[in-house]
mmCIF file of all heavy atoms, coordinates in Angstrom:
data_MODEL
# 
_entry.id   MODEL 
# 
loop_
_atom_site.group_PDB 
_atom_site.id 
_atom_site.type_symbol 
_atom_site.label_atom_id 
_atom_site.label_alt_id 
_atom_site.label_comp_id 
_atom_site.label_asym_id 
_atom_site.label_entity_id 
_atom_site.label_seq_id 
_atom_site.pdbx_PDB_ins_code 
_atom_site.Cartn_x 
_atom_site.Cartn_y 
_atom_site.Cartn_z 
_atom_site.occupancy 
_atom_site.B_iso_or_equiv 
_atom_site.pdbx_formal_charge 
_atom_site.auth_seq_id 
_atom_site.auth_comp_id 
_atom_site.auth_asym_id 
_atom_site.auth_atom_id 
_atom_site.pdbx_PDB_model_num 
ATOM 1   N N   . SER A 1 1  ? 1.457   -7.472 4.129   1.00 0.00 ? 1  SER A N   1 
ATOM 2   C CA  . SER A 1 1  ? 2.065   -6.339 3.447   1.00 0.00 ? 1  SER A CA  1 
ATOM 3   C C   . SER A 1 1  ? 2.469   -6.697 2.017   1.00 0.00 ? 1  SER A C   1 
ATOM 4   O O   . SER A 1 1  ? 3.080   -7.731 1.764   1.00 0.00 ? 1  SER A O   1 
ATOM 5   C CB  . SER A 1 1  ? 3.298   -5.853 4.210   1.00 0.00 ? 1  SER A CB  1 
ATOM 6   O OG  . SER A 1 1  ? 3.941   -4.828 3.491   1.00 0.00 ? 1  SER A OG  1 
ATOM 7   N N   . LEU A 1 2  ? 2.099   -5.795 1.103   1.00 0.00 ? 2  LEU A N   1 
ATOM 8   C CA  . LEU A 1 2  ? 2.471   -5.953 -0.301  1.00 0.00 ? 2  LEU A CA  1 
ATOM 9   C C   . LEU A 1 2  ? 3.448   -4.870 -0.740  1.00 0.00 ? 2  LEU A C   1 
ATOM 10  O O   . LEU A 1 2  ? 3.747   -4.734 -1.924  1.00 0.00 ? 2  LEU A O   1 
ATOM 11  C CB  . LEU A 1 2  ? 1.211   -5.901 -1.183  1.00 0.00 ? 2  LEU A CB  1 
ATOM 12  C CG  . LEU A 1 2  ? 0.207   -7.043 -0.954  1.00 0.00 ? 2  LEU A CG  1 
ATOM 13  C CD1 . LEU A 1 2  ? -1.110  -6.738 -1.648  1.00 0.00 ? 2  LEU A CD1 1 
ATOM 14  C CD2 . LEU A 1 2  ? 0.776   -8.358 -1.457  1.00 0.00 ? 2  LEU A CD2 1 
ATOM 15  N N   . SER A 1 3  ? 3.927   -4.091 0.226   1.00 0.00 ? 3  SER A N   1 
ATOM 16  C CA  . SER A 1 3  ? 4.794   -2.962 -0.113  1.00 0.00 ? 3  SER A CA  1 
ATOM 17  C C   . SER A 1 3  ? 6.063   -3.407 -0.825  1.00 0.00 ? 3  SER A C   1 
ATOM 18  O O   . SER A 1 3  ? 6.486   -2.788 -1.808  1.00 0.00 ? 3  SER A O   1 
ATOM 19  C CB  . SER A 1 3  ? 5.167   -2.183 1.154   1.00 0.00 ? 3  SER A CB  1 
ATOM 20  O OG  . SER A 1 3  ? 4.021   -1.661 1.782   1.00 0.00 ? 3  SER A OG  1 
ATOM 21  N N   . SER A 1 4  ? 6.670   -4.488 -0.341  1.00 0.00 ? 4  SER A N   1 
ATOM 22  C CA  . SER A 1 4  ? 7.909   -4.965 -0.964  1.00 0.00 ? 4  SER A CA  1 
ATOM 23  C C   . SER A 1 4  ? 7.671   -5.388 -2.406  1.00 0.00 ? 4  SER A C   1 
ATOM 24  O O   . SER A 1 4  ? 8.500   -5.132 -3.286  1.00 0.00 ? 4  SER A O   1 
ATOM 25  C CB  . SER A 1 4  ? 8.495   -6.130 -0.158  1.00 0.00 ? 4  SER A CB  1 
ATOM 26  O OG  . SER A 1 4  ? 8.848   -5.720 1.137   1.00 0.00 ? 4  SER A OG  1 
ATOM 27  N N   . ALA A 1 5  ? 6.537   -6.058 -2.659  1.00 0.00 ? 5  ALA A N   1 
ATOM 28  C CA  . ALA A 1 5  ? 6.215   -6.490 -4.020  1.00 0.00 ? 5  ALA A CA  1 
ATOM 29  C C   . ALA A 1 5  ? 6.028   -5.288 -4.940  1.00 0.00 ? 5  ALA A C   1 
ATOM 30  O O   . ALA A 1 5  ? 6.485   -5.284 -6.086  1.00 0.00 ? 5  ALA A O   1 
ATOM 31  C CB  . ALA A 1 5  ? 4.961   -7.354 -4.017  1.00 0.00 ? 5  ALA A CB  1 
ATOM 32  N N   . TRP A 1 6  ? 5.367   -4.258 -4.443  1.00 0.00 ? 6  TRP A N   1 
ATOM 33  C CA  . TRP A 1 6  ? 5.185   -3.037 -5.245  1.00 0.00 ? 6  TRP A CA  1 
ATOM 34  C C   . TRP A 1 6  ? 6.520   -2.355 -5.527  1.00 0.00 ? 6  TRP A C   1 
ATOM 35  O O   . TRP A 1 6  ? 6.767   -1.873 -6.638  1.00 0.00 ? 6  TRP A O   1 
ATOM 36  C CB  . TRP A 1 6  ? 4.240   -2.076 -4.519  1.00 0.00 ? 6  TRP A CB  1 
ATOM 37  C CG  . TRP A 1 6  ? 2.789   -2.320 -4.792  1.00 0.00 ? 6  TRP A CG  1 
ATOM 38  C CD1 . TRP A 1 6  ? 1.898   -2.982 -4.000  1.00 0.00 ? 6  TRP A CD1 1 
ATOM 39  C CD2 . TRP A 1 6  ? 2.067   -1.899 -5.951  1.00 0.00 ? 6  TRP A CD2 1 
ATOM 40  N NE1 . TRP A 1 6  ? 0.656   -3.004 -4.586  1.00 0.00 ? 6  TRP A NE1 1 
ATOM 41  C CE2 . TRP A 1 6  ? 0.726   -2.343 -5.781  1.00 0.00 ? 6  TRP A CE2 1 
ATOM 42  C CE3 . TRP A 1 6  ? 2.404   -1.194 -7.095  1.00 0.00 ? 6  TRP A CE3 1 
ATOM 43  C CZ2 . TRP A 1 6  ? -0.265  -2.095 -6.730  1.00 0.00 ? 6  TRP A CZ2 1 
ATOM 44  C CZ3 . TRP A 1 6  ? 1.415   -0.936 -8.046  1.00 0.00 ? 6  TRP A CZ3 1 
ATOM 45  C CH2 . TRP A 1 6  ? 0.103   -1.386 -7.863  1.00 0.00 ? 6  TRP A CH2 1 
ATOM 46  N N   . LEU A 1 7  ? 7.389   -2.302 -4.523  1.00 0.00 ? 7  LEU A N   1 
ATOM 47  C CA  . LEU A 1 7  ? 8.698   -1.677 -4.724  1.00 0.00 ? 7  LEU A CA  1 
ATOM 48  C C   . LEU A 1 7  ? 9.502   -2.423 -5.783  1.00 0.00 ? 7  LEU A C   1 
ATOM 49  O O   . LEU A 1 7  ? 10.134  -1.808 -6.656  1.00 0.00 ? 7  LEU A O   1 
ATOM 50  C CB  . LEU A 1 7  ? 9.474   -1.642 -3.408  1.00 0.00 ? 7  LEU A CB  1 
ATOM 51  C CG  . LEU A 1 7  ? 9.191   -0.477 -2.468  1.00 0.00 ? 7  LEU A CG  1 
ATOM 52  C CD1 . LEU A 1 7  ? 9.872   -0.695 -1.130  1.00 0.00 ? 7  LEU A CD1 1 
ATOM 53  C CD2 . LEU A 1 7  ? 9.653   0.840  -3.089  1.00 0.00 ? 7  LEU A CD2 1 
ATOM 54  N N   . ALA A 1 8  ? 9.473   -3.747 -5.708  1.00 0.00 ? 8  ALA A N   1 
ATOM 55  C CA  . ALA A 1 8  ? 10.224  -4.538 -6.678  1.00 0.00 ? 8  ALA A CA  1 
ATOM 56  C C   . ALA A 1 8  ? 9.659   -4.370 -8.081  1.00 0.00 ? 8  ALA A C   1 
ATOM 57  O O   . ALA A 1 8  ? 10.413  -4.246 -9.063  1.00 0.00 ? 8  ALA A O   1 
ATOM 58  C CB  . ALA A 1 8  ? 10.200  -6.013 -6.266  1.00 0.00 ? 8  ALA A CB  1 
ATOM 59  N N   . ALA A 1 9  ? 8.336   -4.337 -8.196  1.00 0.00 ? 9  ALA A N   1 
ATOM 60  C CA  . ALA A 1 9  ? 7.710   -4.234 -9.518  1.00 0.00 ? 9  ALA A CA  1 
ATOM 61  C C   . ALA A 1 9  ? 7.903   -2.863 -10.141 1.00 0.00 ? 9  ALA A C   1 
ATOM 62  O O   . ALA A 1 9  ? 8.050   -2.738 -11.358 1.00 0.00 ? 9  ALA A O   1 
ATOM 63  C CB  . ALA A 1 9  ? 6.227   -4.563 -9.409  1.00 0.00 ? 9  ALA A CB  1 
ATOM 64  N N   . SER A 1 10 ? 7.899   -1.824 -9.318  1.00 0.00 ? 10 SER A N   1 
ATOM 65  C CA  . SER A 1 10 ? 8.000   -0.450 -9.841  1.00 0.00 ? 10 SER A CA  1 
ATOM 66  C C   . SER A 1 10 ? 9.427   0.036  -9.961  1.00 0.00 ? 10 SER A C   1 
ATOM 67  O O   . SER A 1 10 ? 9.689   1.011  -10.667 1.00 0.00 ? 10 SER A O   1 
ATOM 68  C CB  . SER A 1 10 ? 7.232   0.504  -8.924  1.00 0.00 ? 10 SER A CB  1 
ATOM 69  O OG  . SER A 1 10 ? 7.828   0.545  -7.624  1.00 0.00 ? 10 SER A OG  1 
ATOM 70  N N   . GLN A 1 11 ? 10.362  -0.611 -9.230  1.00 0.00 ? 11 GLN A N   1 
ATOM 71  C CA  . GLN A 1 11 ? 11.757  -0.175 -9.166  1.00 0.00 ? 11 GLN A CA  1 
ATOM 72  C C   . GLN A 1 11 ? 11.857  1.279  -8.709  1.00 0.00 ? 11 GLN A C   1 
ATOM 73  O O   . GLN A 1 11 ? 12.695  2.047  -9.191  1.00 0.00 ? 11 GLN A O   1 
ATOM 74  C CB  . GLN A 1 11 ? 12.451  -0.361 -10.515 1.00 0.00 ? 11 GLN A CB  1 
ATOM 75  C CG  . GLN A 1 11 ? 12.544  -1.816 -10.947 1.00 0.00 ? 11 GLN A CG  1 
ATOM 76  C CD  . GLN A 1 11 ? 13.311  -2.001 -12.239 1.00 0.00 ? 11 GLN A CD  1 
ATOM 77  O OE1 . GLN A 1 11 ? 13.162  -1.213 -13.179 1.00 0.00 ? 11 GLN A OE1 1 
ATOM 78  N NE2 . GLN A 1 11 ? 14.142  -3.022 -12.285 1.00 0.00 ? 11 GLN A NE2 1 
ATOM 79  N N   . ALA A 1 12 ? 10.985  1.636  -7.785  1.00 0.00 ? 12 ALA A N   1 
ATOM 80  C CA  . ALA A 1 12 ? 10.943  3.013  -7.288  1.00 0.00 ? 12 ALA A CA  1 
ATOM 81  C C   . ALA A 1 12 ? 12.079  3.269  -6.311  1.00 0.00 ? 12 ALA A C   1 
ATOM 82  O O   . ALA A 1 12 ? 12.528  2.372  -5.588  1.00 0.00 ? 12 ALA A O   1 
ATOM 83  C CB  . ALA A 1 12 ? 9.603   3.275  -6.613  1.00 0.00 ? 12 ALA A CB  1 
ATOM 84  N N   . GLN A 1 13 ? 12.533  4.505  -6.274  1.00 0.00 ? 13 GLN A N   1 
ATOM 85  C CA  . GLN A 1 13 ? 13.570  4.906  -5.327  1.00 0.00 ? 13 GLN A CA  1 
ATOM 86  C C   . GLN A 1 13 ? 13.001  5.137  -3.935  1.00 0.00 ? 13 GLN A C   1 
ATOM 87  O O   . GLN A 1 13 ? 13.673  4.905  -2.933  1.00 0.00 ? 13 GLN A O   1 
ATOM 88  C CB  . GLN A 1 13 ? 14.262  6.189  -5.809  1.00 0.00 ? 13 GLN A CB  1 
ATOM 89  C CG  . GLN A 1 13 ? 15.170  6.009  -7.012  1.00 0.00 ? 13 GLN A CG  1 
ATOM 90  C CD  . GLN A 1 13 ? 15.917  7.295  -7.337  1.00 0.00 ? 13 GLN A CD  1 
ATOM 91  O OE1 . GLN A 1 13 ? 15.430  8.397  -7.105  1.00 0.00 ? 13 GLN A OE1 1 
ATOM 92  N NE2 . GLN A 1 13 ? 17.105  7.155  -7.875  1.00 0.00 ? 13 GLN A NE2 1 
ATOM 93  N N   . ARG A 1 14 ? 11.759  5.652  -3.886  1.00 0.00 ? 14 ARG A N   1 
ATOM 94  C CA  . ARG A 1 14 ? 11.161  5.992  -2.605  1.00 0.00 ? 14 ARG A CA  1 
ATOM 95  C C   . ARG A 1 14 ? 9.720   5.481  -2.566  1.00 0.00 ? 14 ARG A C   1 
ATOM 96  O O   . ARG A 1 14 ? 9.073   5.339  -3.611  1.00 0.00 ? 14 ARG A O   1 
ATOM 97  C CB  . ARG A 1 14 ? 11.177  7.510  -2.372  1.00 0.00 ? 14 ARG A CB  1 
ATOM 98  C CG  . ARG A 1 14 ? 12.553  8.131  -2.442  1.00 0.00 ? 14 ARG A CG  1 
ATOM 99  C CD  . ARG A 1 14 ? 12.516  9.634  -2.220  1.00 0.00 ? 14 ARG A CD  1 
ATOM 100 N NE  . ARG A 1 14 ? 11.736  10.319 -3.242  1.00 0.00 ? 14 ARG A NE  1 
ATOM 101 C CZ  . ARG A 1 14 ? 11.593  11.648 -3.324  1.00 0.00 ? 14 ARG A CZ  1 
ATOM 102 N NH1 . ARG A 1 14 ? 12.194  12.414 -2.434  1.00 0.00 ? 14 ARG A NH1 1 
ATOM 103 N NH2 . ARG A 1 14 ? 10.871  12.197 -4.270  1.00 0.00 ? 14 ARG A NH2 1 
ATOM 104 N N   . LEU A 1 15 ? 9.222   5.238  -1.358  1.00 0.00 ? 15 LEU A N   1 
ATOM 105 C CA  . LEU A 1 15 ? 7.858   4.763  -1.162  1.00 0.00 ? 15 LEU A CA  1 
ATOM 106 C C   . LEU A 1 15 ? 7.148   5.677  -0.172  1.00 0.00 ? 15 LEU A C   1 
ATOM 107 O O   . LEU A 1 15 ? 7.674   5.983  0.902   1.00 0.00 ? 15 LEU A O   1 
ATOM 108 C CB  . LEU A 1 15 ? 7.877   3.326  -0.620  1.00 0.00 ? 15 LEU A CB  1 
ATOM 109 C CG  . LEU A 1 15 ? 6.570   2.779  -0.036  1.00 0.00 ? 15 LEU A CG  1 
ATOM 110 C CD1 . LEU A 1 15 ? 5.476   2.715  -1.103  1.00 0.00 ? 15 LEU A CD1 1 
ATOM 111 C CD2 . LEU A 1 15 ? 6.791   1.412  0.582   1.00 0.00 ? 15 LEU A CD2 1 
ATOM 112 N N   . PHE A 1 16 ? 5.948   6.111  -0.541  1.00 0.00 ? 16 PHE A N   1 
ATOM 113 C CA  . PHE A 1 16 ? 5.113   6.928  0.341   1.00 0.00 ? 16 PHE A CA  1 
ATOM 114 C C   . PHE A 1 16 ? 3.740   6.282  0.473   1.00 0.00 ? 16 PHE A C   1 
ATOM 115 O O   . PHE A 1 16 ? 3.289   5.568  -0.417  1.00 0.00 ? 16 PHE A O   1 
ATOM 116 C CB  . PHE A 1 16 ? 4.958   8.350  -0.208  1.00 0.00 ? 16 PHE A CB  1 
ATOM 117 C CG  . PHE A 1 16 ? 6.257   9.019  -0.545  1.00 0.00 ? 16 PHE A CG  1 
ATOM 118 C CD1 . PHE A 1 16 ? 6.597   9.271  -1.866  1.00 0.00 ? 16 PHE A CD1 1 
ATOM 119 C CD2 . PHE A 1 16 ? 7.147   9.381  0.441   1.00 0.00 ? 16 PHE A CD2 1 
ATOM 120 C CE1 . PHE A 1 16 ? 7.796   9.880  -2.193  1.00 0.00 ? 16 PHE A CE1 1 
ATOM 121 C CE2 . PHE A 1 16 ? 8.351   9.988  0.127   1.00 0.00 ? 16 PHE A CE2 1 
ATOM 122 C CZ  . PHE A 1 16 ? 8.682   10.241 -1.189  1.00 0.00 ? 16 PHE A CZ  1 
ATOM 123 N N   . HIS A 1 17 ? 3.085   6.563  1.601   1.00 0.00 ? 17 HIS A N   1 
ATOM 124 C CA  . HIS A 1 17 ? 1.739   6.050  1.831   1.00 0.00 ? 17 HIS A CA  1 
ATOM 125 C C   . HIS A 1 17 ? 0.737   7.207  1.872   1.00 0.00 ? 17 HIS A C   1 
ATOM 126 O O   . HIS A 1 17 ? 0.986   8.239  2.485   1.00 0.00 ? 17 HIS A O   1 
ATOM 127 C CB  . HIS A 1 17 ? 1.678   5.264  3.148   1.00 0.00 ? 17 HIS A CB  1 
ATOM 128 C CG  . HIS A 1 17 ? 2.397   3.953  3.091   1.00 0.00 ? 17 HIS A CG  1 
ATOM 129 N ND1 . HIS A 1 17 ? 1.837   2.818  2.555   1.00 0.00 ? 17 HIS A ND1 1 
ATOM 130 C CD2 . HIS A 1 17 ? 3.651   3.605  3.488   1.00 0.00 ? 17 HIS A CD2 1 
ATOM 131 C CE1 . HIS A 1 17 ? 2.700   1.822  2.623   1.00 0.00 ? 17 HIS A CE1 1 
ATOM 132 N NE2 . HIS A 1 17 ? 3.814   2.273  3.191   1.00 0.00 ? 17 HIS A NE2 1 
ATOM 133 N N   . TRP A 1 18 ? -0.412  6.991  1.207   1.00 0.00 ? 18 TRP A N   1 
ATOM 134 C CA  . TRP A 1 18 ? -1.504  7.955  1.217   1.00 0.00 ? 18 TRP A CA  1 
ATOM 135 C C   . TRP A 1 18 ? -2.709  7.224  1.786   1.00 0.00 ? 18 TRP A C   1 
ATOM 136 O O   . TRP A 1 18 ? -3.409  6.504  1.087   1.00 0.00 ? 18 TRP A O   1 
ATOM 137 C CB  . TRP A 1 18 ? -1.769  8.453  -0.195  1.00 0.00 ? 18 TRP A CB  1 
ATOM 138 C CG  . TRP A 1 18 ? -2.772  9.571  -0.285  1.00 0.00 ? 18 TRP A CG  1 
ATOM 139 C CD1 . TRP A 1 18 ? -3.727  9.910  0.632   1.00 0.00 ? 18 TRP A CD1 1 
ATOM 140 C CD2 . TRP A 1 18 ? -2.906  10.503 -1.365  1.00 0.00 ? 18 TRP A CD2 1 
ATOM 141 N NE1 . TRP A 1 18 ? -4.447  10.984 0.200   1.00 0.00 ? 18 TRP A NE1 1 
ATOM 142 C CE2 . TRP A 1 18 ? -3.963  11.372 -1.033  1.00 0.00 ? 18 TRP A CE2 1 
ATOM 143 C CE3 . TRP A 1 18 ? -2.246  10.667 -2.581  1.00 0.00 ? 18 TRP A CE3 1 
ATOM 144 C CZ2 . TRP A 1 18 ? -4.375  12.397 -1.891  1.00 0.00 ? 18 TRP A CZ2 1 
ATOM 145 C CZ3 . TRP A 1 18 ? -2.654  11.687 -3.418  1.00 0.00 ? 18 TRP A CZ3 1 
ATOM 146 C CH2 . TRP A 1 18 ? -3.701  12.543 -3.085  1.00 0.00 ? 18 TRP A CH2 1 
ATOM 147 N N   . ARG A 1 19 ? -2.935  7.399  3.093   1.00 0.00 ? 19 ARG A N   1 
ATOM 148 C CA  . ARG A 1 19 ? -4.032  6.714  3.758   1.00 0.00 ? 19 ARG A CA  1 
ATOM 149 C C   . ARG A 1 19 ? -5.325  7.517  3.618   1.00 0.00 ? 19 ARG A C   1 
ATOM 150 O O   . ARG A 1 19 ? -5.306  8.742  3.518   1.00 0.00 ? 19 ARG A O   1 
ATOM 151 C CB  . ARG A 1 19 ? -3.699  6.511  5.238   1.00 0.00 ? 19 ARG A CB  1 
ATOM 152 C CG  . ARG A 1 19 ? -2.516  5.585  5.489   1.00 0.00 ? 19 ARG A CG  1 
ATOM 153 C CD  . ARG A 1 19 ? -1.964  5.759  6.889   1.00 0.00 ? 19 ARG A CD  1 
ATOM 154 N NE  . ARG A 1 19 ? -1.379  7.077  7.064   1.00 0.00 ? 19 ARG A NE  1 
ATOM 155 C CZ  . ARG A 1 19 ? -0.946  7.557  8.227   1.00 0.00 ? 19 ARG A CZ  1 
ATOM 156 N NH1 . ARG A 1 19 ? -1.043  6.813  9.304   1.00 0.00 ? 19 ARG A NH1 1 
ATOM 157 N NH2 . ARG A 1 19 ? -0.422  8.766  8.292   1.00 0.00 ? 19 ARG A NH2 1 
ATOM 158 N N   . ALA A 1 20 ? -6.442  6.812  3.609   1.00 0.00 ? 20 ALA A N   1 
ATOM 159 C CA  . ALA A 1 20 ? -7.741  7.453  3.450   1.00 0.00 ? 20 ALA A CA  1 
ATOM 160 C C   . ALA A 1 20 ? -7.981  8.462  4.571   1.00 0.00 ? 20 ALA A C   1 
ATOM 161 O O   . ALA A 1 20 ? -7.712  8.198  5.742   1.00 0.00 ? 20 ALA A O   1 
ATOM 162 C CB  . ALA A 1 20 ? -8.842  6.400  3.446   1.00 0.00 ? 20 ALA A CB  1 
ATOM 163 N N   . ASP A 1 21 ? -8.470  9.637  4.166   1.00 0.00 ? 21 ASP A N   1 
ATOM 164 C CA  . ASP A 1 21 ? -8.871  10.682 5.119   1.00 0.00 ? 21 ASP A CA  1 
ATOM 165 C C   . ASP A 1 21 ? -7.714  11.206 5.962   1.00 0.00 ? 21 ASP A C   1 
ATOM 166 O O   . ASP A 1 21 ? -7.934  11.749 7.045   1.00 0.00 ? 21 ASP A O   1 
ATOM 167 C CB  . ASP A 1 21 ? -9.989  10.174 6.054   1.00 0.00 ? 21 ASP A CB  1 
ATOM 168 C CG  . ASP A 1 21 ? -11.214 9.702  5.283   1.00 0.00 ? 21 ASP A CG  1 
ATOM 169 O OD1 . ASP A 1 21 ? -11.538 10.343 4.264   1.00 0.00 ? 21 ASP A OD1 1 
ATOM 170 O OD2 . ASP A 1 21 ? -11.815 8.695  5.686   1.00 0.00 ? 21 ASP A OD2 1 
ATOM 171 N N   . HIS A 1 22 ? -6.490  11.059 5.486   1.00 0.00 ? 22 HIS A N   1 
ATOM 172 C CA  . HIS A 1 22 ? -5.339  11.596 6.211   1.00 0.00 ? 22 HIS A CA  1 
ATOM 173 C C   . HIS A 1 22 ? -4.829  12.836 5.483   1.00 0.00 ? 22 HIS A C   1 
ATOM 174 O O   . HIS A 1 22 ? -4.038  12.738 4.547   1.00 0.00 ? 22 HIS A O   1 
ATOM 175 C CB  . HIS A 1 22 ? -4.222  10.549 6.325   1.00 0.00 ? 22 HIS A CB  1 
ATOM 176 C CG  . HIS A 1 22 ? -4.366  9.656  7.511   1.00 0.00 ? 22 HIS A CG  1 
ATOM 177 N ND1 . HIS A 1 22 ? -5.403  8.773  7.633   1.00 0.00 ? 22 HIS A ND1 1 
ATOM 178 C CD2 . HIS A 1 22 ? -3.615  9.508  8.635   1.00 0.00 ? 22 HIS A CD2 1 
ATOM 179 C CE1 . HIS A 1 22 ? -5.278  8.115  8.777   1.00 0.00 ? 22 HIS A CE1 1 
ATOM 180 N NE2 . HIS A 1 22 ? -4.204  8.541  9.402   1.00 0.00 ? 22 HIS A NE2 1 
ATOM 181 N N   . ILE A 1 23 ? -5.305  13.999 5.913   1.00 0.00 ? 23 ILE A N   1 
ATOM 182 C CA  . ILE A 1 23 ? -4.865  15.233 5.271   1.00 0.00 ? 23 ILE A CA  1 
ATOM 183 C C   . ILE A 1 23 ? -3.366  15.437 5.477   1.00 0.00 ? 23 ILE A C   1 
ATOM 184 O O   . ILE A 1 23 ? -2.689  16.047 4.644   1.00 0.00 ? 23 ILE A O   1 
ATOM 185 C CB  . ILE A 1 23 ? -5.657  16.449 5.826   1.00 0.00 ? 23 ILE A CB  1 
ATOM 186 C CG1 . ILE A 1 23 ? -5.292  17.730 5.068   1.00 0.00 ? 23 ILE A CG1 1 
ATOM 187 C CG2 . ILE A 1 23 ? -5.412  16.611 7.313   1.00 0.00 ? 23 ILE A CG2 1 
ATOM 188 C CD1 . ILE A 1 23 ? -5.604  17.690 3.591   1.00 0.00 ? 23 ILE A CD1 1 
ATOM 189 N N   . GLN A 1 24 ? -2.815  14.862 6.581   1.00 0.00 ? 24 GLN A N   1 
ATOM 190 C CA  . GLN A 1 24 ? -1.377  15.002 6.808   1.00 0.00 ? 24 GLN A CA  1 
ATOM 191 C C   . GLN A 1 24 ? -0.578  14.325 5.696   1.00 0.00 ? 24 GLN A C   1 
ATOM 192 O O   . GLN A 1 24 ? 0.489   14.799 5.319   1.00 0.00 ? 24 GLN A O   1 
ATOM 193 C CB  . GLN A 1 24 ? -0.992  14.395 8.174   1.00 0.00 ? 24 GLN A CB  1 
ATOM 194 C CG  . GLN A 1 24 ? -1.644  15.065 9.367   1.00 0.00 ? 24 GLN A CG  1 
ATOM 195 C CD  . GLN A 1 24 ? -2.929  14.372 9.776   1.00 0.00 ? 24 GLN A CD  1 
ATOM 196 O OE1 . GLN A 1 24 ? -3.545  13.687 8.960   1.00 0.00 ? 24 GLN A OE1 1 
ATOM 197 N NE2 . GLN A 1 24 ? -3.319  14.555 11.030  1.00 0.00 ? 24 GLN A NE2 1 
ATOM 198 N N   . ASP A 1 25 ? -1.090  13.213 5.183   1.00 0.00 ? 25 ASP A N   1 
ATOM 199 C CA  . ASP A 1 25 ? -0.394  12.525 4.098   1.00 0.00 ? 25 ASP A CA  1 
ATOM 200 C C   . ASP A 1 25 ? -0.411  13.351 2.823   1.00 0.00 ? 25 ASP A C   1 
ATOM 201 O O   . ASP A 1 25 ? 0.585   13.406 2.089   1.00 0.00 ? 25 ASP A O   1 
ATOM 202 C CB  . ASP A 1 25 ? -1.042  11.160 3.841   1.00 0.00 ? 25 ASP A CB  1 
ATOM 203 C CG  . ASP A 1 25 ? -0.826  10.177 4.982   1.00 0.00 ? 25 ASP A CG  1 
ATOM 204 O OD1 . ASP A 1 25 ? -0.038  10.499 5.890   1.00 0.00 ? 25 ASP A OD1 1 
ATOM 205 O OD2 . ASP A 1 25 ? -1.449  9.098  4.961   1.00 0.00 ? 25 ASP A OD2 1 
ATOM 206 N N   . VAL A 1 26 ? -1.540  13.999 2.541   1.00 0.00 ? 26 VAL A N   1 
ATOM 207 C CA  . VAL A 1 26 ? -1.641  14.851 1.343   1.00 0.00 ? 26 VAL A CA  1 
ATOM 208 C C   . VAL A 1 26 ? -0.664  16.009 1.446   1.00 0.00 ? 26 VAL A C   1 
ATOM 209 O O   . VAL A 1 26 ? 0.046   16.340 0.487   1.00 0.00 ? 26 VAL A O   1 
ATOM 210 C CB  . VAL A 1 26 ? -3.083  15.373 1.161   1.00 0.00 ? 26 VAL A CB  1 
ATOM 211 C CG1 . VAL A 1 26 ? -3.199  16.183 -0.132  1.00 0.00 ? 26 VAL A CG1 1 
ATOM 212 C CG2 . VAL A 1 26 ? -4.078  14.224 1.149   1.00 0.00 ? 26 VAL A CG2 1 
ATOM 213 N N   . MET A 1 27 ? -0.599  16.640 2.629   1.00 0.00 ? 27 MET A N   1 
ATOM 214 C CA  . MET A 1 27 ? 0.302   17.776 2.798   1.00 0.00 ? 27 MET A CA  1 
ATOM 215 C C   . MET A 1 27 ? 1.759   17.316 2.722   1.00 0.00 ? 27 MET A C   1 
ATOM 216 O O   . MET A 1 27 ? 2.611   18.038 2.185   1.00 0.00 ? 27 MET A O   1 
ATOM 217 C CB  . MET A 1 27 ? 0.038   18.473 4.131   1.00 0.00 ? 27 MET A CB  1 
ATOM 218 C CG  . MET A 1 27 ? -1.306  19.171 4.214   1.00 0.00 ? 27 MET A CG  1 
ATOM 219 S SD  . MET A 1 27 ? -1.586  20.349 2.845   1.00 0.00 ? 27 MET A SD  1 
ATOM 220 C CE  . MET A 1 27 ? -0.208  21.484 3.068   1.00 0.00 ? 27 MET A CE  1 
# 
């Protein structure tokens, strides 16, 4: 997992995932 590294680098408040071919994620 690289999620923690991305959060630290971006200083984002929230994290979301957009998985391939997951229309539920887009909605």
